Amino acid sequence: MSSPKSIEQADVKLQASNIRFSVFTKSKGIVTLVHENNRLQEAGYYIYKNYADKLETLTVFIKRNDDNQILKIVTKSESESMIGVHHPIDGHIGYLTVEEIKAI
């Protein structure tokens, strides 16, 4: 994928993609598209690999492009909703906790 793209918050809800899942980060009010993947578990691995140690200061979202569902990755929550993290060689290595939200 090319370098991350900053987009306006309003565009996140409207942006369409042929890829099934888009990963966005939000820092200081700026929303950036950082990754796209057709497999949720591989998008989860991308987040784990690149942002696991930054989740206290950076907000990460996964958007399911076919129905615009937005999941926010959370570290401190009572949520029981999770997505799997799939390592390309080792397979399943864990979970990320998520909450469904209406907009970024």
N, C-alpha and C. Protein backbone atom coordinates (compact mmCIF):
# COMPACT_ATOMS: atom_id res chain seq x y z
N MET A 1 0.84 -1.17 0.00
CA MET A 1 0.00 0.00 0.00
C MET A 1 0.88 1.23 0.00
N SER A 2 0.41 2.30 -0.57
CA SER A 2 1.15 3.55 -0.61
C SER A 2 1.18 4.18 0.77
N SER A 3 1.80 5.33 0.88
CA SER A 3 1.93 6.00 2.17
C SER A 3 0.56 6.37 2.73
N PRO A 4 0.46 6.54 4.07
CA PRO A 4 -0.81 6.88 4.70
C PRO A 4 -1.39 8.16 4.11
N LYS A 5 -2.72 8.23 4.08
CA LYS A 5 -3.41 9.38 3.52
C LYS A 5 -4.25 10.04 4.59
N SER A 6 -4.06 11.35 4.81
CA SER A 6 -4.92 12.07 5.73
C SER A 6 -6.22 12.41 5.02
N ILE A 7 -7.33 12.26 5.73
CA ILE A 7 -8.62 12.58 5.15
C ILE A 7 -9.46 13.34 6.16
N GLU A 8 -10.40 14.10 5.70
CA GLU A 8 -11.29 14.83 6.58
C GLU A 8 -12.20 13.83 7.29
N GLN A 9 -12.60 14.14 8.52
CA GLN A 9 -13.45 13.24 9.29
C GLN A 9 -14.73 12.91 8.55
N ALA A 10 -15.34 13.87 7.89
CA ALA A 10 -16.59 13.63 7.19
C ALA A 10 -16.41 12.62 6.06
N ASP A 11 -15.24 12.57 5.47
CA ASP A 11 -14.98 11.66 4.36
C ASP A 11 -14.88 10.20 4.81
N VAL A 12 -14.53 9.96 6.06
CA VAL A 12 -14.36 8.59 6.54
C VAL A 12 -15.66 7.83 6.39
N LYS A 13 -16.78 8.44 6.70
CA LYS A 13 -18.07 7.78 6.64
C LYS A 13 -18.49 7.52 5.18
N LEU A 14 -18.06 8.37 4.27
CA LEU A 14 -18.51 8.30 2.90
C LEU A 14 -17.57 7.52 1.98
N GLN A 15 -16.32 7.40 2.36
CA GLN A 15 -15.33 6.80 1.49
C GLN A 15 -15.65 5.34 1.20
N ALA A 16 -15.66 4.99 -0.07
CA ALA A 16 -15.92 3.61 -0.47
C ALA A 16 -14.61 2.96 -0.90
N SER A 17 -14.53 1.66 -0.76
CA SER A 17 -13.33 0.95 -1.14
C SER A 17 -13.72 -0.44 -1.62
N ASN A 18 -12.94 -0.99 -2.56
CA ASN A 18 -13.15 -2.36 -2.99
C ASN A 18 -12.57 -3.35 -1.99
N ILE A 19 -11.71 -2.87 -1.11
CA ILE A 19 -11.11 -3.69 -0.06
C ILE A 19 -12.13 -3.79 1.08
N ARG A 20 -12.20 -4.92 1.71
CA ARG A 20 -13.24 -5.16 2.71
C ARG A 20 -13.05 -4.38 4.01
N PHE A 21 -11.80 -4.25 4.51
CA PHE A 21 -11.55 -3.58 5.78
C PHE A 21 -10.50 -2.49 5.61
N SER A 22 -10.77 -1.33 6.21
CA SER A 22 -9.82 -0.22 6.21
C SER A 22 -9.45 0.09 7.65
N VAL A 23 -8.16 0.35 7.89
CA VAL A 23 -7.67 0.70 9.21
C VAL A 23 -7.32 2.18 9.20
N PHE A 24 -7.85 2.90 10.20
CA PHE A 24 -7.59 4.33 10.33
C PHE A 24 -6.98 4.60 11.70
N THR A 25 -6.17 5.63 11.77
CA THR A 25 -5.70 6.14 13.06
C THR A 25 -6.22 7.55 13.22
N LYS A 26 -6.36 7.98 14.47
CA LYS A 26 -6.77 9.35 14.75
C LYS A 26 -5.88 9.89 15.84
N SER A 27 -5.22 11.00 15.53
CA SER A 27 -4.34 11.65 16.48
C SER A 27 -4.46 13.16 16.29
N LYS A 28 -4.71 13.86 17.37
CA LYS A 28 -4.85 15.32 17.34
C LYS A 28 -5.90 15.76 16.32
N GLY A 29 -6.99 15.00 16.22
CA GLY A 29 -8.09 15.34 15.34
C GLY A 29 -7.90 14.98 13.88
N ILE A 30 -6.75 14.43 13.52
CA ILE A 30 -6.48 14.07 12.13
C ILE A 30 -6.69 12.57 11.95
N VAL A 31 -7.55 12.22 11.01
CA VAL A 31 -7.84 10.81 10.70
C VAL A 31 -7.02 10.42 9.48
N THR A 32 -6.30 9.29 9.60
CA THR A 32 -5.41 8.84 8.53
C THR A 32 -5.69 7.38 8.17
N LEU A 33 -5.88 7.12 6.89
CA LEU A 33 -6.00 5.75 6.40
C LEU A 33 -4.60 5.15 6.36
N VAL A 34 -4.38 4.04 7.09
CA VAL A 34 -3.03 3.48 7.19
C VAL A 34 -2.89 2.08 6.60
N HIS A 35 -4.01 1.39 6.38
CA HIS A 35 -3.91 0.01 5.90
C HIS A 35 -5.27 -0.44 5.38
N GLU A 36 -5.25 -1.33 4.39
CA GLU A 36 -6.47 -1.97 3.91
C GLU A 36 -6.19 -3.45 3.69
N ASN A 37 -7.21 -4.28 3.96
CA ASN A 37 -7.03 -5.72 3.82
C ASN A 37 -8.39 -6.37 3.65
N ASN A 38 -8.44 -7.47 2.94
CA ASN A 38 -9.70 -8.20 2.78
C ASN A 38 -9.97 -9.17 3.93
N ARG A 39 -9.00 -9.39 4.79
CA ARG A 39 -9.16 -10.32 5.93
C ARG A 39 -9.05 -9.56 7.24
N LEU A 40 -10.09 -9.64 8.06
CA LEU A 40 -10.13 -8.93 9.33
C LEU A 40 -8.97 -9.33 10.25
N GLN A 41 -8.64 -10.62 10.30
CA GLN A 41 -7.58 -11.09 11.18
C GLN A 41 -6.22 -10.52 10.77
N GLU A 42 -6.01 -10.34 9.47
CA GLU A 42 -4.75 -9.76 9.01
C GLU A 42 -4.70 -8.26 9.27
N ALA A 43 -5.84 -7.59 9.18
CA ALA A 43 -5.90 -6.18 9.58
C ALA A 43 -5.61 -6.07 11.08
N GLY A 44 -6.13 -7.04 11.86
CA GLY A 44 -5.84 -7.07 13.29
C GLY A 44 -4.36 -7.25 13.57
N TYR A 45 -3.69 -8.10 12.79
CA TYR A 45 -2.25 -8.28 12.97
C TYR A 45 -1.50 -7.00 12.63
N TYR A 46 -1.91 -6.30 11.58
CA TYR A 46 -1.27 -5.03 11.23
C TYR A 46 -1.36 -4.05 12.40
N ILE A 47 -2.53 -3.97 13.02
CA ILE A 47 -2.70 -3.07 14.17
C ILE A 47 -1.82 -3.52 15.32
N TYR A 48 -1.84 -4.81 15.62
CA TYR A 48 -1.03 -5.35 16.71
C TYR A 48 0.46 -5.06 16.49
N LYS A 49 0.93 -5.32 15.29
CA LYS A 49 2.35 -5.16 14.96
C LYS A 49 2.78 -3.69 15.01
N ASN A 50 1.93 -2.79 14.54
CA ASN A 50 2.33 -1.39 14.38
C ASN A 50 1.87 -0.45 15.49
N TYR A 51 0.82 -0.82 16.23
CA TYR A 51 0.23 0.13 17.17
C TYR A 51 -0.01 -0.38 18.58
N ALA A 52 0.29 -1.63 18.88
CA ALA A 52 -0.02 -2.19 20.20
C ALA A 52 0.56 -1.35 21.34
N ASP A 53 1.75 -0.82 21.17
CA ASP A 53 2.38 -0.04 22.23
C ASP A 53 1.97 1.43 22.20
N LYS A 54 1.13 1.83 21.23
CA LYS A 54 0.73 3.23 21.10
C LYS A 54 -0.75 3.44 21.38
N LEU A 55 -1.48 2.40 21.74
CA LEU A 55 -2.93 2.50 21.88
C LEU A 55 -3.38 3.38 23.03
N GLU A 56 -2.52 3.73 23.94
CA GLU A 56 -2.86 4.65 25.02
C GLU A 56 -2.92 6.10 24.53
N THR A 57 -2.19 6.41 23.46
CA THR A 57 -2.11 7.79 22.97
C THR A 57 -2.67 7.97 21.56
N LEU A 58 -2.92 6.89 20.87
CA LEU A 58 -3.39 6.93 19.49
C LEU A 58 -4.67 6.09 19.40
N THR A 59 -5.67 6.60 18.69
CA THR A 59 -6.91 5.87 18.52
C THR A 59 -6.87 5.15 17.17
N VAL A 60 -7.23 3.86 17.17
CA VAL A 60 -7.21 3.06 15.95
C VAL A 60 -8.60 2.49 15.70
N PHE A 61 -9.03 2.55 14.45
CA PHE A 61 -10.35 2.09 14.04
C PHE A 61 -10.23 1.11 12.88
N ILE A 62 -11.17 0.19 12.80
CA ILE A 62 -11.33 -0.66 11.62
C ILE A 62 -12.72 -0.38 11.06
N LYS A 63 -12.78 -0.09 9.78
CA LYS A 63 -14.06 0.15 9.12
C LYS A 63 -14.33 -0.99 8.15
N ARG A 64 -15.49 -1.62 8.30
CA ARG A 64 -15.92 -2.64 7.35
C ARG A 64 -16.61 -1.89 6.21
N ASN A 65 -16.00 -1.91 5.05
CA ASN A 65 -16.43 -1.05 3.95
C ASN A 65 -17.76 -1.43 3.32
N ASP A 66 -18.17 -2.70 3.44
CA ASP A 66 -19.42 -3.08 2.78
C ASP A 66 -20.66 -2.54 3.49
N ASP A 67 -20.58 -2.30 4.80
CA ASP A 67 -21.74 -1.76 5.52
C ASP A 67 -21.39 -0.56 6.41
N ASN A 68 -20.17 -0.06 6.30
CA ASN A 68 -19.69 1.12 7.06
C ASN A 68 -19.67 0.92 8.57
N GLN A 69 -19.64 -0.33 9.04
CA GLN A 69 -19.50 -0.58 10.48
C GLN A 69 -18.10 -0.13 10.90
N ILE A 70 -18.03 0.59 12.03
CA ILE A 70 -16.75 1.09 12.53
C ILE A 70 -16.50 0.49 13.91
N LEU A 71 -15.33 -0.13 14.05
CA LEU A 71 -14.90 -0.71 15.32
C LEU A 71 -13.71 0.08 15.84
N LYS A 72 -13.78 0.49 17.09
CA LYS A 72 -12.69 1.20 17.74
C LYS A 72 -11.92 0.20 18.60
N ILE A 73 -10.60 0.18 18.43
CA ILE A 73 -9.75 -0.68 19.26
C ILE A 73 -9.65 -0.04 20.64
N VAL A 74 -9.95 -0.80 21.69
CA VAL A 74 -9.93 -0.27 23.06
C VAL A 74 -9.00 -1.11 23.92
N THR A 75 -8.43 -0.44 24.93
CA THR A 75 -7.53 -1.15 25.84
C THR A 75 -8.15 -1.33 27.22
N LYS A 76 -8.99 -0.40 27.62
CA LYS A 76 -9.62 -0.49 28.94
C LYS A 76 -11.12 -0.42 28.73
N SER A 77 -11.77 -1.57 28.78
CA SER A 77 -13.20 -1.61 28.49
C SER A 77 -13.81 -2.86 29.06
N GLU A 78 -15.10 -2.80 29.26
CA GLU A 78 -15.87 -3.96 29.69
C GLU A 78 -16.37 -4.74 28.47
N SER A 79 -16.03 -4.29 27.27
CA SER A 79 -16.51 -4.91 26.04
C SER A 79 -16.02 -6.35 25.94
N GLU A 80 -16.92 -7.22 25.49
CA GLU A 80 -16.56 -8.61 25.24
C GLU A 80 -16.36 -8.87 23.76
N SER A 81 -16.47 -7.82 22.94
CA SER A 81 -16.28 -7.95 21.50
C SER A 81 -14.79 -7.92 21.19
N MET A 82 -14.37 -8.86 20.36
CA MET A 82 -12.96 -8.97 20.01
C MET A 82 -12.80 -9.37 18.56
N ILE A 83 -11.62 -9.03 18.01
CA ILE A 83 -11.24 -9.53 16.69
C ILE A 83 -9.96 -10.33 16.85
N GLY A 84 -9.81 -11.35 16.05
CA GLY A 84 -8.61 -12.18 16.11
C GLY A 84 -7.43 -11.50 15.46
N VAL A 85 -6.24 -11.86 15.92
CA VAL A 85 -4.99 -11.39 15.35
C VAL A 85 -4.30 -12.59 14.72
N HIS A 86 -4.07 -12.53 13.40
CA HIS A 86 -3.53 -13.67 12.66
C HIS A 86 -2.13 -13.34 12.13
N HIS A 87 -1.11 -13.96 12.71
CA HIS A 87 0.27 -13.80 12.24
C HIS A 87 0.43 -14.55 10.92
N PRO A 88 1.13 -13.97 9.94
CA PRO A 88 1.25 -14.62 8.63
C PRO A 88 1.88 -16.01 8.66
N ILE A 89 2.76 -16.27 9.62
CA ILE A 89 3.44 -17.57 9.70
C ILE A 89 2.90 -18.41 10.86
N ASP A 90 2.76 -17.79 12.02
CA ASP A 90 2.38 -18.51 13.23
C ASP A 90 0.88 -18.72 13.40
N GLY A 91 0.07 -18.08 12.57
CA GLY A 91 -1.38 -18.22 12.69
C GLY A 91 -1.94 -17.35 13.80
N HIS A 92 -3.00 -17.81 14.43
CA HIS A 92 -3.69 -17.04 15.47
C HIS A 92 -2.78 -16.81 16.68
N ILE A 93 -2.64 -15.52 17.08
CA ILE A 93 -1.77 -15.21 18.22
C ILE A 93 -2.48 -14.42 19.31
N GLY A 94 -3.75 -14.10 19.14
CA GLY A 94 -4.46 -13.38 20.20
C GLY A 94 -5.65 -12.61 19.68
N TYR A 95 -6.08 -11.64 20.50
CA TYR A 95 -7.26 -10.85 20.19
C TYR A 95 -7.02 -9.38 20.50
N LEU A 96 -7.77 -8.51 19.81
CA LEU A 96 -7.86 -7.09 20.14
C LEU A 96 -9.30 -6.82 20.57
N THR A 97 -9.48 -6.08 21.65
CA THR A 97 -10.81 -5.74 22.12
C THR A 97 -11.33 -4.54 21.34
N VAL A 98 -12.61 -4.59 20.95
CA VAL A 98 -13.21 -3.54 20.14
C VAL A 98 -14.56 -3.12 20.68
N GLU A 99 -14.96 -1.90 20.32
CA GLU A 99 -16.30 -1.40 20.57
C GLU A 99 -16.84 -0.84 19.27
N GLU A 100 -18.09 -1.11 18.97
CA GLU A 100 -18.70 -0.54 17.76
C GLU A 100 -19.09 0.90 18.05
N ILE A 101 -18.77 1.80 17.11
CA ILE A 101 -19.13 3.20 17.25
C ILE A 101 -19.84 3.65 15.98
N LYS A 102 -20.51 4.80 16.04
CA LYS A 102 -21.29 5.30 14.90
C LYS A 102 -20.44 6.09 13.90
N ALA A 103 -19.44 6.84 14.36
CA ALA A 103 -18.61 7.66 13.48
C ALA A 103 -17.26 7.89 14.13
N ILE A 104 -16.28 8.20 13.31
CA ILE A 104 -14.94 8.50 13.81
C ILE A 104 -14.88 9.97 14.18
